[in-house]
Amino acid sequence: MCAWLGVSRSGYYEWRGRPASATVRRHEHLKQLIATVFDASYETYGYRRVHRELGRRGEECSAELVRLLMRKLGLGAV
């Protein structure tokens, strides 16, 4: 597969063993918080309310990021 993709084996294994970036770690942390807030609201909060609640909890992020992460999690307000 490495030959087909045009990458070296050592390059592939080096990439695979690389730790997750700060952005990925932040998004994973936010996903957990978003799911917690969403579940606590009995699945009625949309991204705006979830964003507001995260702000109250001291998490700084944009509303669009919350919207994107909620979409990736498959969460939608009732």
C-alpha atoms as a PDB file:
ATOM      1  CA  MET A   1       0.000   0.000   0.000  1.00  0.00           C
ATOM      2  CA  CYS A   2       2.887   2.368   0.752  1.00  0.00           C
ATOM      3  CA  ALA A   3       4.222   1.892  -2.787  1.00  0.00           C
ATOM      4  CA  TRP A   4       0.771   2.542  -4.230  1.00  0.00           C
ATOM      5  CA  LEU A   5       0.479   5.786  -2.221  1.00  0.00           C
ATOM      6  CA  GLY A   6       4.046   6.779  -3.008  1.00  0.00           C
ATOM      7  CA  VAL A   7       5.284   7.006   0.583  1.00  0.00           C
ATOM      8  CA  SER A   8       8.106   5.193   2.308  1.00  0.00           C
ATOM      9  CA  ARG A   9       7.428   2.596   4.976  1.00  0.00           C
ATOM     10  CA  SER A  10       9.473   4.499   7.520  1.00  0.00           C
ATOM     11  CA  GLY A  11       7.546   7.692   6.722  1.00  0.00           C
ATOM     12  CA  TYR A  12       4.231   5.913   7.194  1.00  0.00           C
ATOM     13  CA  TYR A  13       5.173   4.407  10.545  1.00  0.00           C
ATOM     14  CA  GLU A  14       6.630   7.711  11.715  1.00  0.00           C
ATOM     15  CA  TRP A  15       3.348   9.455  10.788  1.00  0.00           C
ATOM     16  CA  ARG A  16       1.248   6.733  12.423  1.00  0.00           C
ATOM     17  CA  GLY A  17       3.158   6.958  15.702  1.00  0.00           C
ATOM     18  CA  ARG A  18       2.990  10.738  15.868  1.00  0.00           C
ATOM     19  CA  PRO A  19       0.970  12.118  18.804  1.00  0.00           C
ATOM     20  CA  ALA A  20      -2.290  13.939  18.126  1.00  0.00           C
ATOM     21  CA  SER A  21      -2.008  17.655  17.479  1.00  0.00           C
ATOM     22  CA  ALA A  22      -3.141  20.268  19.987  1.00  0.00           C
ATOM     23  CA  THR A  23      -6.128  21.065  17.782  1.00  0.00           C
ATOM     24  CA  VAL A  24      -7.293  17.458  17.701  1.00  0.00           C
ATOM     25  CA  ARG A  25      -6.893  17.153  21.470  1.00  0.00           C
ATOM     26  CA  ARG A  26      -8.861  20.398  21.989  1.00  0.00           C
ATOM     27  CA  HIS A  27     -11.655  19.229  19.695  1.00  0.00           C
ATOM     28  CA  GLU A  28     -11.903  15.912  21.542  1.00  0.00           C
ATOM     29  CA  HIS A  29     -12.109  17.769  24.871  1.00  0.00           C
ATOM     30  CA  LEU A  30     -14.823  20.067  23.490  1.00  0.00           C
ATOM     31  CA  LYS A  31     -16.755  17.102  22.075  1.00  0.00           C
ATOM     32  CA  GLN A  32     -16.964  15.588  25.545  1.00  0.00           C
ATOM     33  CA  LEU A  33     -18.143  18.878  27.055  1.00  0.00           C
ATOM     34  CA  ILE A  34     -20.666  19.439  24.272  1.00  0.00           C
ATOM     35  CA  ALA A  35     -22.119  15.956  24.744  1.00  0.00           C
ATOM     36  CA  THR A  36     -22.375  16.564  28.501  1.00  0.00           C
ATOM     37  CA  VAL A  37     -24.170  19.901  28.078  1.00  0.00           C
ATOM     38  CA  PHE A  38     -26.434  18.483  25.386  1.00  0.00           C
ATOM     39  CA  ASP A  39     -27.419  15.487  27.522  1.00  0.00           C
ATOM     40  CA  ALA A  40     -28.000  17.705  30.585  1.00  0.00           C
ATOM     41  CA  SER A  41     -30.432  19.789  28.531  1.00  0.00           C
ATOM     42  CA  TYR A  42     -32.466  16.663  27.680  1.00  0.00           C
ATOM     43  CA  GLU A  43     -31.255  17.050  24.093  1.00  0.00           C
ATOM     44  CA  THR A  44     -33.127  20.329  23.570  1.00  0.00           C
ATOM     45  CA  TYR A  45     -30.221  22.775  23.266  1.00  0.00           C
ATOM     46  CA  GLY A  46     -29.015  23.809  19.847  1.00  0.00           C
ATOM     47  CA  TYR A  47     -25.489  24.966  19.102  1.00  0.00           C
ATOM     48  CA  ARG A  48     -26.179  28.536  20.276  1.00  0.00           C
ATOM     49  CA  ARG A  49     -27.307  27.494  23.747  1.00  0.00           C
ATOM     50  CA  VAL A  50     -24.559  24.902  24.028  1.00  0.00           C
ATOM     51  CA  HIS A  51     -22.030  27.604  23.064  1.00  0.00           C
ATOM     52  CA  ARG A  52     -23.454  29.944  25.692  1.00  0.00           C
ATOM     53  CA  GLU A  53     -23.270  27.225  28.357  1.00  0.00           C
ATOM     54  CA  LEU A  54     -19.671  26.418  27.452  1.00  0.00           C
ATOM     55  CA  GLY A  55     -18.857  30.118  27.848  1.00  0.00           C
ATOM     56  CA  ARG A  56     -20.408  30.080  31.311  1.00  0.00           C
ATOM     57  CA  ARG A  57     -18.191  27.126  32.167  1.00  0.00           C
ATOM     58  CA  GLY A  58     -15.102  29.037  31.068  1.00  0.00           C
ATOM     59  CA  GLU A  59     -14.469  27.305  27.733  1.00  0.00           C
ATOM     60  CA  GLU A  60     -13.633  29.756  24.983  1.00  0.00           C
ATOM     61  CA  CYS A  61     -14.591  28.662  21.483  1.00  0.00           C
ATOM     62  CA  SER A  62     -16.609  29.996  18.602  1.00  0.00           C
ATOM     63  CA  ALA A  63     -20.241  29.173  18.006  1.00  0.00           C
ATOM     64  CA  GLU A  64     -19.321  27.834  14.568  1.00  0.00           C
ATOM     65  CA  LEU A  65     -16.865  25.378  16.111  1.00  0.00           C
ATOM     66  CA  VAL A  66     -19.602  24.147  18.454  1.00  0.00           C
ATOM     67  CA  ARG A  67     -21.918  23.812  15.459  1.00  0.00           C
ATOM     68  CA  LEU A  68     -19.313  21.818  13.516  1.00  0.00           C
ATOM     69  CA  LEU A  69     -18.532  19.503  16.423  1.00  0.00           C
ATOM     70  CA  MET A  70     -22.225  18.925  17.179  1.00  0.00           C
ATOM     71  CA  ARG A  71     -22.750  17.994  13.538  1.00  0.00           C
ATOM     72  CA  LYS A  72     -19.820  15.544  13.694  1.00  0.00           C
ATOM     73  CA  LEU A  73     -21.305  14.016  16.860  1.00  0.00           C
ATOM     74  CA  GLY A  74     -24.716  13.747  15.223  1.00  0.00           C
ATOM     75  CA  LEU A  75     -26.363  15.943  17.848  1.00  0.00           C
ATOM     76  CA  GLY A  76     -29.376  18.035  16.958  1.00  0.00           C
ATOM     77  CA  ALA A  77     -31.915  19.897  19.030  1.00  0.00           C
ATOM     78  CA  VAL A  78     -35.416  18.511  19.278  1.00  0.00           C
END
